[in-house]
Amino acid sequence: MLDDRKAAILSAIVGEYIETAQPVGSGAVRKAAEVDVSAATIRNEMASLETDGYLWQPHTSAGRVPTEKGYRHFVDKLGEVTLDGSTSEQVTTFFRRMEGQIEGRLEQTAGLLSNLTKYTAVVVDLGASPRQIKSVQVVPMAPTNVLVVAVDSTGEVYRYPVDFDSDVAAETVDHLQDCLRAALVDRRLDEKLDAPKLTGDGELDELTHRVFGLIVGGNDDDRVYVNGTSNVAQSFEAVESVRQVLTILEQQLLVVKLISDVLDRGMRVAIGTETGVEPLEECSVVVSPYRVDGEVSGSIAVLGPTRMHYRESLAAVSVVSRQLEQRLNER
């Protein structure tokens, strides 16, 4: 535990380094409103903080830079964070005007979060979320082609074009629709669903099972929406760091696991090595889940450098998560 003076000096150093990305000297610390001691005392306290592992010094004549431990102390002491009034109203207006299917909503949310924080935003839609198929319709499109349209409880529409080897009769379209409705309507996609019952018509049964597999199998995977990857290049000076972070963001399963692991540990923020992903040791991740019908349906996150603006990022993720949750639960 740090006493109040050391904590104030550490907070001033972290804040200054986040803004400037330059080692912080005692002169800059002394300007902080919460630090009211002599430059000599500040230097002594900085040396002590370095010994305790909260700071490090790039070279003898330089100021200090926060360590992962220093950032962790800073984040843990932030307390309640809020967006300023105008930004909060911007978020509220965004969600009030949001329209469209869930996929588009989540893409829009990632864009909003990236614009608010100037970091890379990630929205994860869990494949095991509690969605129900509410309707299924089979629409003839051409003599040898139909479009199967399914709508789930969130309003998302799934479209599956199906081709036939020969002209499809209207009776076959009706039977296909009836079989799919019986097997899918009011059933949750995260459940193990029974295959459609056999009718005795070999061609119809084969077609029904094929389309059933498309609908059920097409919703098993988590979906990840990423926005603001261009911000990565602005956040890291080293080209190799940029390349590694971008490579991670392209790996959907790894991104989902990273965010899930952070949430499973009960954390809002993972700093550096806390992410558990070696290429992200210079990064921090701020996360929050969102719920639909009382169950966790996904999560949102921002990824940036360890010197990210934690207060603003935490506030943005918290507010956006809450507003997204409210919007998705509207019926």
C-alpha atoms as a PDB file:
ATOM      1  CA  MET A   1       0.000   0.000   0.000  1.00  0.00           C
ATOM      2  CA  LEU A   2       1.192   3.487  -0.832  1.00  0.00           C
ATOM      3  CA  ASP A   3       0.745   6.448   1.480  1.00  0.00           C
ATOM      4  CA  ASP A   4      -1.220   9.419   0.169  1.00  0.00           C
ATOM      5  CA  ARG A   5       1.834  11.381  -0.949  1.00  0.00           C
ATOM      6  CA  LYS A   6       3.364   8.532  -2.935  1.00  0.00           C
ATOM      7  CA  ALA A   7      -0.038   7.728  -4.430  1.00  0.00           C
ATOM      8  CA  ALA A   8      -0.494  11.353  -5.517  1.00  0.00           C
ATOM      9  CA  ILE A   9       2.979  11.480  -7.073  1.00  0.00           C
ATOM     10  CA  LEU A  10       2.425   8.175  -8.881  1.00  0.00           C
ATOM     11  CA  SER A  11      -0.956   9.380 -10.165  1.00  0.00           C
ATOM     12  CA  ALA A  12       0.627  12.589 -11.450  1.00  0.00           C
ATOM     13  CA  ILE A  13       3.363  10.652 -13.245  1.00  0.00           C
ATOM     14  CA  VAL A  14       0.922   8.223 -14.855  1.00  0.00           C
ATOM     15  CA  GLY A  15      -1.327  11.075 -15.983  1.00  0.00           C
ATOM     16  CA  GLU A  16       1.562  13.066 -17.441  1.00  0.00           C
ATOM     17  CA  TYR A  17       3.070  10.036 -19.189  1.00  0.00           C
ATOM     18  CA  ILE A  18      -0.287   9.115 -20.739  1.00  0.00           C
ATOM     19  CA  GLU A  19      -0.484  12.590 -22.237  1.00  0.00           C
ATOM     20  CA  THR A  20       3.114  13.008 -23.394  1.00  0.00           C
ATOM     21  CA  ALA A  21       4.627   9.516 -23.782  1.00  0.00           C
ATOM     22  CA  GLN A  22       7.817  11.052 -22.384  1.00  0.00           C
ATOM     23  CA  PRO A  23       9.626  10.158 -19.117  1.00  0.00           C
ATOM     24  CA  VAL A  24       8.295  12.382 -16.342  1.00  0.00           C
ATOM     25  CA  GLY A  25      10.610  14.471 -14.180  1.00  0.00           C
ATOM     26  CA  SER A  26      10.062  16.047 -10.765  1.00  0.00           C
ATOM     27  CA  GLY A  27       9.336  19.446 -12.311  1.00  0.00           C
ATOM     28  CA  ALA A  28       6.282  18.140 -14.167  1.00  0.00           C
ATOM     29  CA  VAL A  29       5.087  16.305 -11.049  1.00  0.00           C
ATOM     30  CA  ARG A  30       5.371  19.447  -8.919  1.00  0.00           C
ATOM     31  CA  LYS A  31       2.894  21.225 -11.229  1.00  0.00           C
ATOM     32  CA  ALA A  32       0.189  18.720 -10.386  1.00  0.00           C
ATOM     33  CA  ALA A  33      -2.484  20.254  -8.162  1.00  0.00           C
ATOM     34  CA  GLU A  34      -2.552  17.304  -5.754  1.00  0.00           C
ATOM     35  CA  VAL A  35       1.223  17.388  -5.111  1.00  0.00           C
ATOM     36  CA  ASP A  36       2.337  20.133  -2.705  1.00  0.00           C
ATOM     37  CA  VAL A  37       5.875  19.236  -1.660  1.00  0.00           C
ATOM     38  CA  SER A  38       9.380  20.309  -2.653  1.00  0.00           C
ATOM     39  CA  ALA A  39      11.156  19.047  -5.757  1.00  0.00           C
ATOM     40  CA  ALA A  40      13.698  17.268  -3.527  1.00  0.00           C
ATOM     41  CA  THR A  41      10.942  15.398  -1.709  1.00  0.00           C
ATOM     42  CA  ILE A  42       9.360  14.442  -5.034  1.00  0.00           C
ATOM     43  CA  ARG A  43      12.689  13.072  -6.287  1.00  0.00           C
ATOM     44  CA  ASN A  44      13.099  11.008  -3.124  1.00  0.00           C
ATOM     45  CA  GLU A  45       9.587   9.629  -3.415  1.00  0.00           C
ATOM     46  CA  MET A  46      10.105   8.846  -7.103  1.00  0.00           C
ATOM     47  CA  ALA A  47      13.243   6.892  -6.211  1.00  0.00           C
ATOM     48  CA  SER A  48      11.274   4.989  -3.601  1.00  0.00           C
ATOM     49  CA  LEU A  49       8.479   4.241  -6.074  1.00  0.00           C
ATOM     50  CA  GLU A  50      11.078   2.940  -8.497  1.00  0.00           C
ATOM     51  CA  THR A  51      12.559   0.674  -5.832  1.00  0.00           C
ATOM     52  CA  ASP A  52       9.066  -0.657  -5.073  1.00  0.00           C
ATOM     53  CA  GLY A  53       8.455  -1.462  -8.740  1.00  0.00           C
ATOM     54  CA  TYR A  54       5.890   1.216  -9.618  1.00  0.00           C
ATOM     55  CA  LEU A  55       8.228   3.226 -11.863  1.00  0.00           C
ATOM     56  CA  TRP A  56      11.326   2.670 -13.960  1.00  0.00           C
ATOM     57  CA  GLN A  57      13.972   5.006 -15.341  1.00  0.00           C
ATOM     58  CA  PRO A  58      15.015   4.598 -18.999  1.00  0.00           C
ATOM     59  CA  HIS A  59      18.451   6.051 -18.231  1.00  0.00           C
ATOM     60  CA  THR A  60      20.181   7.931 -15.441  1.00  0.00           C
ATOM     61  CA  SER A  61      19.354  11.481 -16.478  1.00  0.00           C
ATOM     62  CA  ALA A  62      15.770  10.748 -17.562  1.00  0.00           C
ATOM     63  CA  GLY A  63      12.527  11.054 -15.668  1.00  0.00           C
ATOM     64  CA  ARG A  64      10.415   8.057 -14.722  1.00  0.00           C
ATOM     65  CA  VAL A  65       7.946   5.905 -16.623  1.00  0.00           C
ATOM     66  CA  PRO A  66       5.103   3.900 -15.043  1.00  0.00           C
ATOM     67  CA  THR A  67       5.488   0.129 -14.879  1.00  0.00           C
ATOM     68  CA  GLU A  68       2.651  -2.347 -15.224  1.00  0.00           C
ATOM     69  CA  LYS A  69       2.406  -2.313 -11.428  1.00  0.00           C
ATOM     70  CA  GLY A  70       2.184   1.478 -11.489  1.00  0.00           C
ATOM     71  CA  TYR A  71      -0.645   1.445 -14.022  1.00  0.00           C
ATOM     72  CA  ARG A  72      -2.464  -1.216 -11.998  1.00  0.00           C
ATOM     73  CA  HIS A  73      -2.348   0.928  -8.846  1.00  0.00           C
ATOM     74  CA  PHE A  74      -3.546   3.934 -10.842  1.00  0.00           C
ATOM     75  CA  VAL A  75      -6.488   2.031 -12.359  1.00  0.00           C
ATOM     76  CA  ASP A  76      -7.505   0.410  -9.065  1.00  0.00           C
ATOM     77  CA  LYS A  77      -7.693   3.829  -7.405  1.00  0.00           C
ATOM     78  CA  LEU A  78      -9.816   5.486 -10.101  1.00  0.00           C
ATOM     79  CA  GLY A  79     -13.130   4.798  -8.387  1.00  0.00           C
ATOM     80  CA  GLU A  80     -16.317   5.773 -10.214  1.00  0.00           C
ATOM     81  CA  VAL A  81     -15.803   7.109 -13.722  1.00  0.00           C
ATOM     82  CA  THR A  82     -18.304   9.016 -15.849  1.00  0.00           C
ATOM     83  CA  LEU A  83     -18.460  10.550 -19.292  1.00  0.00           C
ATOM     84  CA  ASP A  84     -18.803  14.301 -19.578  1.00  0.00           C
ATOM     85  CA  GLY A  85     -22.305  15.559 -20.222  1.00  0.00           C
ATOM     86  CA  SER A  86     -22.005  16.243 -23.970  1.00  0.00           C
ATOM     87  CA  THR A  87     -20.375  12.871 -24.700  1.00  0.00           C
ATOM     88  CA  SER A  88     -22.956  11.047 -22.620  1.00  0.00           C
ATOM     89  CA  GLU A  89     -25.734  12.784 -24.553  1.00  0.00           C
ATOM     90  CA  GLN A  90     -23.984  11.808 -27.815  1.00  0.00           C
ATOM     91  CA  VAL A  91     -24.113   8.145 -26.773  1.00  0.00           C
ATOM     92  CA  THR A  92     -27.753   8.367 -25.723  1.00  0.00           C
ATOM     93  CA  THR A  93     -28.718   9.968 -29.040  1.00  0.00           C
ATOM     94  CA  PHE A  94     -26.766   7.333 -30.973  1.00  0.00           C
ATOM     95  CA  PHE A  95     -28.645   4.447 -29.383  1.00  0.00           C
ATOM     96  CA  ARG A  96     -31.993   6.212 -29.580  1.00  0.00           C
ATOM     97  CA  ARG A  97     -31.569   6.469 -33.347  1.00  0.00           C
ATOM     98  CA  MET A  98     -30.045   3.017 -33.840  1.00  0.00           C
ATOM     99  CA  GLU A  99     -32.004   0.831 -36.230  1.00  0.00           C
ATOM    100  CA  GLY A 100     -31.585  -2.374 -38.197  1.00  0.00           C
ATOM    101  CA  GLN A 101     -30.715  -5.967 -37.487  1.00  0.00           C
ATOM    102  CA  ILE A 102     -28.498  -6.954 -34.588  1.00  0.00           C
ATOM    103  CA  GLU A 103     -25.441  -7.498 -36.777  1.00  0.00           C
ATOM    104  CA  GLY A 104     -25.627  -3.927 -38.021  1.00  0.00           C
ATOM    105  CA  ARG A 105     -26.242  -2.625 -34.514  1.00  0.00           C
ATOM    106  CA  LEU A 106     -23.145  -4.313 -33.163  1.00  0.00           C
ATOM    107  CA  GLU A 107     -21.036  -3.024 -36.046  1.00  0.00           C
ATOM    108  CA  GLN A 108     -22.324   0.483 -35.352  1.00  0.00           C
ATOM    109  CA  THR A 109     -21.550   0.080 -31.649  1.00  0.00           C
ATOM    110  CA  ALA A 110     -17.941  -0.855 -32.409  1.00  0.00           C
ATOM    111  CA  GLY A 111     -17.652   2.247 -34.564  1.00  0.00           C
ATOM    112  CA  LEU A 112     -19.105   4.470 -31.843  1.00  0.00           C
ATOM    113  CA  LEU A 113     -16.758   3.087 -29.184  1.00  0.00           C
ATOM    114  CA  SER A 114     -13.707   3.518 -31.396  1.00  0.00           C
ATOM    115  CA  ASN A 115     -14.679   7.109 -32.172  1.00  0.00           C
ATOM    116  CA  LEU A 116     -15.185   7.888 -28.479  1.00  0.00           C
ATOM    117  CA  THR A 117     -11.897   6.424 -27.257  1.00  0.00           C
ATOM    118  CA  LYS A 118      -9.647   6.715 -30.345  1.00  0.00           C
ATOM    119  CA  TYR A 119      -8.581   3.113 -29.693  1.00  0.00           C
ATOM    120  CA  THR A 120      -9.510  -0.163 -31.352  1.00  0.00           C
ATOM    121  CA  ALA A 121     -13.004  -1.296 -30.348  1.00  0.00           C
ATOM    122  CA  VAL A 122     -14.216  -4.892 -30.265  1.00  0.00           C
ATOM    123  CA  VAL A 123     -17.783  -6.155 -29.892  1.00  0.00           C
ATOM    124  CA  VAL A 124     -18.279  -9.887 -29.372  1.00  0.00           C
ATOM    125  CA  ASP A 125     -21.646 -11.503 -30.076  1.00  0.00           C
ATOM    126  CA  LEU A 126     -21.669 -14.903 -28.385  1.00  0.00           C
ATOM    127  CA  GLY A 127     -22.929 -17.742 -30.543  1.00  0.00           C
ATOM    128  CA  ALA A 128     -24.480 -19.312 -27.444  1.00  0.00           C
ATOM    129  CA  SER A 129     -26.644 -16.296 -26.728  1.00  0.00           C
ATOM    130  CA  PRO A 130     -30.261 -17.144 -25.848  1.00  0.00           C
ATOM    131  CA  ARG A 131     -31.947 -16.445 -29.171  1.00  0.00           C
ATOM    132  CA  GLN A 132     -35.087 -18.075 -30.426  1.00  0.00           C
ATOM    133  CA  ILE A 133     -36.149 -18.557 -34.012  1.00  0.00           C
ATOM    134  CA  LYS A 134     -39.493 -16.765 -34.257  1.00  0.00           C
ATOM    135  CA  SER A 135     -40.397 -17.365 -37.888  1.00  0.00           C
ATOM    136  CA  VAL A 136     -39.279 -19.279 -40.979  1.00  0.00           C
ATOM    137  CA  GLN A 137     -40.411 -18.578 -44.513  1.00  0.00           C
ATOM    138  CA  VAL A 138     -39.424 -20.253 -47.800  1.00  0.00           C
ATOM    139  CA  VAL A 139     -39.706 -17.876 -50.757  1.00  0.00           C
ATOM    140  CA  PRO A 140     -39.491 -19.122 -54.402  1.00  0.00           C
ATOM    141  CA  MET A 141     -36.954 -17.009 -56.294  1.00  0.00           C
ATOM    142  CA  ALA A 142     -36.588 -18.909 -59.571  1.00  0.00           C
ATOM    143  CA  PRO A 143     -37.705 -22.275 -60.969  1.00  0.00           C
ATOM    144  CA  THR A 144     -34.695 -23.994 -59.380  1.00  0.00           C
ATOM    145  CA  ASN A 145     -34.012 -21.670 -56.475  1.00  0.00           C
ATOM    146  CA  VAL A 146     -35.671 -20.670 -53.181  1.00  0.00           C
ATOM    147  CA  LEU A 147     -34.668 -18.319 -50.361  1.00  0.00           C
ATOM    148  CA  VAL A 148     -35.123 -19.522 -46.789  1.00  0.00           C
ATOM    149  CA  VAL A 149     -35.630 -16.582 -44.407  1.00  0.00           C
ATOM    150  CA  ALA A 150     -35.445 -17.069 -40.617  1.00  0.00           C
ATOM    151  CA  VAL A 151     -35.964 -14.322 -38.018  1.00  0.00           C
ATOM    152  CA  ASP A 152     -34.787 -14.640 -34.417  1.00  0.00           C
ATOM    153  CA  SER A 153     -36.031 -13.033 -31.201  1.00  0.00           C
ATOM    154  CA  THR A 154     -33.601 -10.099 -31.521  1.00  0.00           C
ATOM    155  CA  GLY A 155     -34.963  -9.229 -34.945  1.00  0.00           C
ATOM    156  CA  GLU A 156     -31.928 -10.505 -36.845  1.00  0.00           C
ATOM    157  CA  VAL A 157     -32.757 -11.966 -40.233  1.00  0.00           C
ATOM    158  CA  TYR A 158     -30.915 -14.969 -41.671  1.00  0.00           C
ATOM    159  CA  ARG A 159     -31.113 -15.643 -45.410  1.00  0.00           C
ATOM    160  CA  TYR A 160     -30.129 -18.932 -47.024  1.00  0.00           C
ATOM    161  CA  PRO A 161     -30.383 -19.371 -50.807  1.00  0.00           C
ATOM    162  CA  VAL A 162     -31.027 -22.997 -51.789  1.00  0.00           C
ATOM    163  CA  ASP A 163     -30.534 -24.380 -55.290  1.00  0.00           C
ATOM    164  CA  PHE A 164     -32.336 -27.391 -56.760  1.00  0.00           C
ATOM    165  CA  ASP A 165     -31.189 -29.700 -59.537  1.00  0.00           C
ATOM    166  CA  SER A 166     -34.556 -29.274 -61.254  1.00  0.00           C
ATOM    167  CA  ASP A 167     -37.650 -27.099 -61.060  1.00  0.00           C
ATOM    168  CA  VAL A 168     -39.139 -27.031 -57.576  1.00  0.00           C
ATOM    169  CA  ALA A 169     -42.853 -27.535 -57.181  1.00  0.00           C
ATOM    170  CA  ALA A 170     -44.985 -25.207 -55.055  1.00  0.00           C
ATOM    171  CA  GLU A 171     -46.028 -28.202 -52.967  1.00  0.00           C
ATOM    172  CA  THR A 172     -42.378 -28.962 -52.158  1.00  0.00           C
ATOM    173  CA  VAL A 173     -41.835 -25.357 -51.059  1.00  0.00           C
ATOM    174  CA  ASP A 174     -44.825 -25.574 -48.708  1.00  0.00           C
ATOM    175  CA  HIS A 175     -43.696 -28.901 -47.237  1.00  0.00           C
ATOM    176  CA  LEU A 176     -40.158 -27.586 -46.734  1.00  0.00           C
ATOM    177  CA  GLN A 177     -41.494 -24.538 -44.935  1.00  0.00           C
ATOM    178  CA  ASP A 178     -43.778 -26.623 -42.690  1.00  0.00           C
ATOM    179  CA  CYS A 179     -40.954 -29.018 -41.732  1.00  0.00           C
ATOM    180  CA  LEU A 180     -38.534 -26.202 -40.896  1.00  0.00           C
ATOM    181  CA  ARG A 181     -41.121 -24.346 -38.833  1.00  0.00           C
ATOM    182  CA  ALA A 182     -41.931 -27.465 -36.848  1.00  0.00           C
ATOM    183  CA  ALA A 183     -38.247 -28.049 -36.073  1.00  0.00           C
ATOM    184  CA  LEU A 184     -37.124 -24.470 -35.405  1.00  0.00           C
ATOM    185  CA  VAL A 185     -39.831 -21.982 -34.416  1.00  0.00           C
ATOM    186  CA  ASP A 186     -39.671 -20.985 -30.721  1.00  0.00           C
ATOM    187  CA  ARG A 187     -36.505 -23.033 -30.248  1.00  0.00           C
ATOM    188  CA  ARG A 188     -33.265 -21.536 -28.924  1.00  0.00           C
ATOM    189  CA  LEU A 189     -30.231 -21.640 -31.173  1.00  0.00           C
ATOM    190  CA  ASP A 190     -27.922 -22.454 -28.258  1.00  0.00           C
ATOM    191  CA  GLU A 191     -29.837 -25.663 -27.513  1.00  0.00           C
ATOM    192  CA  LYS A 192     -29.158 -29.037 -29.061  1.00  0.00           C
ATOM    193  CA  LEU A 193     -32.000 -29.094 -31.561  1.00  0.00           C
ATOM    194  CA  ASP A 194     -33.565 -32.285 -32.867  1.00  0.00           C
ATOM    195  CA  ALA A 195     -33.419 -32.730 -36.612  1.00  0.00           C
ATOM    196  CA  PRO A 196     -36.696 -32.371 -38.533  1.00  0.00           C
ATOM    197  CA  LYS A 197     -38.885 -35.452 -38.519  1.00  0.00           C
ATOM    198  CA  LEU A 198     -38.725 -37.641 -41.601  1.00  0.00           C
ATOM    199  CA  THR A 199     -41.705 -37.461 -43.949  1.00  0.00           C
ATOM    200  CA  GLY A 200     -40.924 -40.524 -46.031  1.00  0.00           C
ATOM    201  CA  ASP A 201     -40.217 -38.363 -49.074  1.00  0.00           C
ATOM    202  CA  GLY A 202     -36.489 -38.952 -49.591  1.00  0.00           C
ATOM    203  CA  GLU A 203     -35.853 -35.824 -51.671  1.00  0.00           C
ATOM    204  CA  LEU A 204     -37.825 -33.570 -49.320  1.00  0.00           C
ATOM    205  CA  ASP A 205     -36.211 -35.054 -46.204  1.00  0.00           C
ATOM    206  CA  GLU A 206     -32.713 -34.582 -47.638  1.00  0.00           C
ATOM    207  CA  LEU A 207     -33.466 -30.974 -48.548  1.00  0.00           C
ATOM    208  CA  THR A 208     -35.060 -30.196 -45.176  1.00  0.00           C
ATOM    209  CA  HIS A 209     -32.077 -31.585 -43.255  1.00  0.00           C
ATOM    210  CA  ARG A 210     -29.663 -29.683 -45.477  1.00  0.00           C
ATOM    211  CA  VAL A 211     -31.384 -26.337 -44.848  1.00  0.00           C
ATOM    212  CA  PHE A 212     -31.816 -27.126 -41.128  1.00  0.00           C
ATOM    213  CA  GLY A 213     -28.054 -27.688 -40.900  1.00  0.00           C
ATOM    214  CA  LEU A 214     -27.382 -24.339 -42.575  1.00  0.00           C
ATOM    215  CA  ILE A 215     -29.539 -22.446 -40.082  1.00  0.00           C
ATOM    216  CA  VAL A 216     -28.358 -24.215 -36.931  1.00  0.00           C
ATOM    217  CA  GLY A 217     -24.736 -24.664 -37.964  1.00  0.00           C
ATOM    218  CA  GLY A 218     -24.482 -21.104 -39.201  1.00  0.00           C
ATOM    219  CA  ASN A 219     -25.081 -19.718 -35.714  1.00  0.00           C
ATOM    220  CA  ASP A 220     -22.659 -21.755 -33.604  1.00  0.00           C
ATOM    221  CA  ASP A 221     -19.698 -19.431 -33.914  1.00  0.00           C
ATOM    222  CA  ASP A 222     -19.135 -16.255 -31.956  1.00  0.00           C
ATOM    223  CA  ARG A 223     -19.061 -13.165 -34.121  1.00  0.00           C
ATOM    224  CA  VAL A 224     -16.533 -10.405 -33.604  1.00  0.00           C
ATOM    225  CA  TYR A 225     -16.873  -6.832 -34.854  1.00  0.00           C
ATOM    226  CA  VAL A 226     -13.684  -4.765 -34.827  1.00  0.00           C
ATOM    227  CA  ASN A 227     -13.432  -1.062 -35.590  1.00  0.00           C
ATOM    228  CA  GLY A 228     -10.530   1.364 -35.422  1.00  0.00           C
ATOM    229  CA  THR A 229      -7.609  -0.884 -36.322  1.00  0.00           C
ATOM    230  CA  SER A 230      -6.021   2.192 -37.901  1.00  0.00           C
ATOM    231  CA  ASN A 231      -5.693   3.563 -34.353  1.00  0.00           C
ATOM    232  CA  VAL A 232      -3.173   0.819 -33.613  1.00  0.00           C
ATOM    233  CA  ALA A 233      -0.632   2.446 -35.912  1.00  0.00           C
ATOM    234  CA  GLN A 234      -1.031   5.731 -34.041  1.00  0.00           C
ATOM    235  CA  SER A 235      -0.683   4.089 -30.615  1.00  0.00           C
ATOM    236  CA  PHE A 236       2.625   2.273 -31.076  1.00  0.00           C
ATOM    237  CA  GLU A 237       5.894   3.629 -32.404  1.00  0.00           C
ATOM    238  CA  ALA A 238       7.472   0.262 -33.228  1.00  0.00           C
ATOM    239  CA  VAL A 239       6.364  -1.206 -36.552  1.00  0.00           C
ATOM    240  CA  GLU A 240       6.732  -4.719 -35.173  1.00  0.00           C
ATOM    241  CA  SER A 241       4.379  -3.925 -32.286  1.00  0.00           C
ATOM    242  CA  VAL A 242       1.783  -2.653 -34.745  1.00  0.00           C
ATOM    243  CA  ARG A 243       2.134  -5.776 -36.876  1.00  0.00           C
ATOM    244  CA  GLN A 244       1.752  -8.119 -33.912  1.00  0.00           C
ATOM    245  CA  VAL A 245      -1.329  -6.359 -32.546  1.00  0.00           C
ATOM    246  CA  LEU A 246      -3.001  -6.333 -35.959  1.00  0.00           C
ATOM    247  CA  THR A 247      -2.251 -10.035 -36.353  1.00  0.00           C
ATOM    248  CA  ILE A 248      -3.981 -10.762 -33.042  1.00  0.00           C
ATOM    249  CA  LEU A 249      -7.048  -8.730 -34.046  1.00  0.00           C
ATOM    250  CA  GLU A 250      -7.375 -10.827 -37.202  1.00  0.00           C
ATOM    251  CA  GLN A 251      -7.669 -14.027 -35.139  1.00  0.00           C
ATOM    252  CA  GLN A 252     -11.311 -14.093 -34.081  1.00  0.00           C
ATOM    253  CA  LEU A 253     -11.061 -17.069 -31.716  1.00  0.00           C
ATOM    254  CA  LEU A 254      -8.077 -15.545 -29.912  1.00  0.00           C
ATOM    255  CA  VAL A 255      -9.885 -12.220 -29.478  1.00  0.00           C
ATOM    256  CA  VAL A 256     -12.947 -13.962 -28.021  1.00  0.00           C
ATOM    257  CA  LYS A 257     -10.779 -16.024 -25.650  1.00  0.00           C
ATOM    258  CA  LEU A 258      -8.823 -12.948 -24.542  1.00  0.00           C
ATOM    259  CA  ILE A 259     -11.954 -10.999 -23.622  1.00  0.00           C
ATOM    260  CA  SER A 260     -13.638 -14.024 -22.021  1.00  0.00           C
ATOM    261  CA  ASP A 261     -10.570 -14.759 -19.898  1.00  0.00           C
ATOM    262  CA  VAL A 262     -10.430 -11.177 -18.632  1.00  0.00           C
ATOM    263  CA  LEU A 263     -14.106 -11.247 -17.680  1.00  0.00           C
ATOM    264  CA  ASP A 264     -13.808 -14.709 -16.096  1.00  0.00           C
ATOM    265  CA  ARG A 265     -11.137 -13.297 -13.777  1.00  0.00           C
ATOM    266  CA  GLY A 266     -13.561 -10.599 -12.664  1.00  0.00           C
ATOM    267  CA  MET A 267     -11.488  -7.813 -14.213  1.00  0.00           C
ATOM    268  CA  ARG A 268     -12.563  -4.650 -15.998  1.00  0.00           C
ATOM    269  CA  VAL A 269      -9.049  -3.856 -17.169  1.00  0.00           C
ATOM    270  CA  ALA A 270      -6.166  -6.140 -18.153  1.00  0.00           C
ATOM    271  CA  ILE A 271      -2.793  -4.397 -18.358  1.00  0.00           C
ATOM    272  CA  GLY A 272       0.210  -5.708 -20.269  1.00  0.00           C
ATOM    273  CA  THR A 273       1.036  -9.270 -19.275  1.00  0.00           C
ATOM    274  CA  GLU A 274      -2.350  -9.532 -17.532  1.00  0.00           C
ATOM    275  CA  THR A 275      -3.883 -10.037 -20.977  1.00  0.00           C
ATOM    276  CA  GLY A 276      -2.203 -13.445 -21.096  1.00  0.00           C
ATOM    277  CA  VAL A 277      -1.244 -12.870 -24.749  1.00  0.00           C
ATOM    278  CA  GLU A 278       2.481 -12.269 -25.280  1.00  0.00           C
ATOM    279  CA  PRO A 279       2.176  -9.962 -28.332  1.00  0.00           C
ATOM    280  CA  LEU A 280      -0.142  -7.728 -26.286  1.00  0.00           C
ATOM    281  CA  GLU A 281       2.310  -7.088 -23.447  1.00  0.00           C
ATOM    282  CA  GLU A 282       2.429  -3.426 -24.465  1.00  0.00           C
ATOM    283  CA  CYS A 283      -1.375  -3.201 -24.557  1.00  0.00           C
ATOM    284  CA  SER A 284      -4.259  -2.799 -22.169  1.00  0.00           C
ATOM    285  CA  VAL A 285      -7.829  -4.017 -22.634  1.00  0.00           C
ATOM    286  CA  VAL A 286     -10.947  -2.511 -21.026  1.00  0.00           C
ATOM    287  CA  VAL A 287     -13.969  -4.844 -21.126  1.00  0.00           C
ATOM    288  CA  SER A 288     -17.618  -5.108 -20.132  1.00  0.00           C
ATOM    289  CA  PRO A 289     -20.281  -7.749 -20.810  1.00  0.00           C
ATOM    290  CA  TYR A 290     -23.804  -7.000 -22.024  1.00  0.00           C
ATOM    291  CA  ARG A 291     -26.916  -9.068 -21.341  1.00  0.00           C
ATOM    292  CA  VAL A 292     -30.050  -9.994 -23.249  1.00  0.00           C
ATOM    293  CA  ASP A 293     -32.995 -11.399 -21.274  1.00  0.00           C
ATOM    294  CA  GLY A 294     -30.825 -11.480 -18.166  1.00  0.00           C
ATOM    295  CA  GLU A 295     -28.099 -13.678 -19.672  1.00  0.00           C
ATOM    296  CA  VAL A 296     -24.677 -12.608 -20.934  1.00  0.00           C
ATOM    297  CA  SER A 297     -25.041 -12.284 -24.697  1.00  0.00           C
ATOM    298  CA  GLY A 298     -21.697 -10.730 -25.553  1.00  0.00           C
ATOM    299  CA  SER A 299     -19.086  -8.207 -24.539  1.00  0.00           C
ATOM    300  CA  ILE A 300     -17.484  -4.980 -25.667  1.00  0.00           C
ATOM    301  CA  ALA A 301     -13.895  -3.883 -25.262  1.00  0.00           C
ATOM    302  CA  VAL A 302     -11.315  -1.324 -26.256  1.00  0.00           C
ATOM    303  CA  LEU A 303      -7.688  -2.193 -26.875  1.00  0.00           C
ATOM    304  CA  GLY A 304      -4.926   0.366 -26.734  1.00  0.00           C
ATOM    305  CA  PRO A 305      -1.405   0.944 -25.401  1.00  0.00           C
ATOM    306  CA  THR A 306      -0.670   0.498 -21.697  1.00  0.00           C
ATOM    307  CA  ARG A 307      -0.541   4.300 -21.484  1.00  0.00           C
ATOM    308  CA  MET A 308      -4.175   4.544 -22.591  1.00  0.00           C
ATOM    309  CA  HIS A 309      -6.569   7.078 -21.098  1.00  0.00           C
ATOM    310  CA  TYR A 310      -8.045   4.645 -18.574  1.00  0.00           C
ATOM    311  CA  ARG A 311     -10.574   6.955 -16.991  1.00  0.00           C
ATOM    312  CA  GLU A 312     -12.180   7.931 -20.304  1.00  0.00           C
ATOM    313  CA  SER A 313     -11.980   4.379 -21.694  1.00  0.00           C
ATOM    314  CA  LEU A 314     -13.610   2.835 -18.627  1.00  0.00           C
ATOM    315  CA  ALA A 315     -16.388   5.411 -18.710  1.00  0.00           C
ATOM    316  CA  ALA A 316     -17.014   4.918 -22.438  1.00  0.00           C
ATOM    317  CA  VAL A 317     -17.092   1.118 -22.220  1.00  0.00           C
ATOM    318  CA  SER A 318     -19.411   1.232 -19.210  1.00  0.00           C
ATOM    319  CA  VAL A 319     -21.911   3.648 -20.748  1.00  0.00           C
ATOM    320  CA  VAL A 320     -21.907   2.061 -24.208  1.00  0.00           C
ATOM    321  CA  SER A 321     -22.348  -1.421 -22.733  1.00  0.00           C
ATOM    322  CA  ARG A 322     -25.295  -0.272 -20.640  1.00  0.00           C
ATOM    323  CA  GLN A 323     -26.970   1.559 -23.522  1.00  0.00           C
ATOM    324  CA  LEU A 324     -26.431  -1.359 -25.937  1.00  0.00           C
ATOM    325  CA  GLU A 325     -27.931  -3.723 -23.391  1.00  0.00           C
ATOM    326  CA  GLN A 326     -31.024  -1.556 -23.008  1.00  0.00           C
ATOM    327  CA  ARG A 327     -31.456  -1.272 -26.776  1.00  0.00           C
ATOM    328  CA  LEU A 328     -31.128  -5.002 -27.410  1.00  0.00           C
ATOM    329  CA  ASN A 329     -33.655  -5.809 -24.679  1.00  0.00           C
ATOM    330  CA  GLU A 330     -36.346  -3.620 -26.229  1.00  0.00           C
ATOM    331  CA  ARG A 331     -39.108  -5.656 -27.807  1.00  0.00           C
END
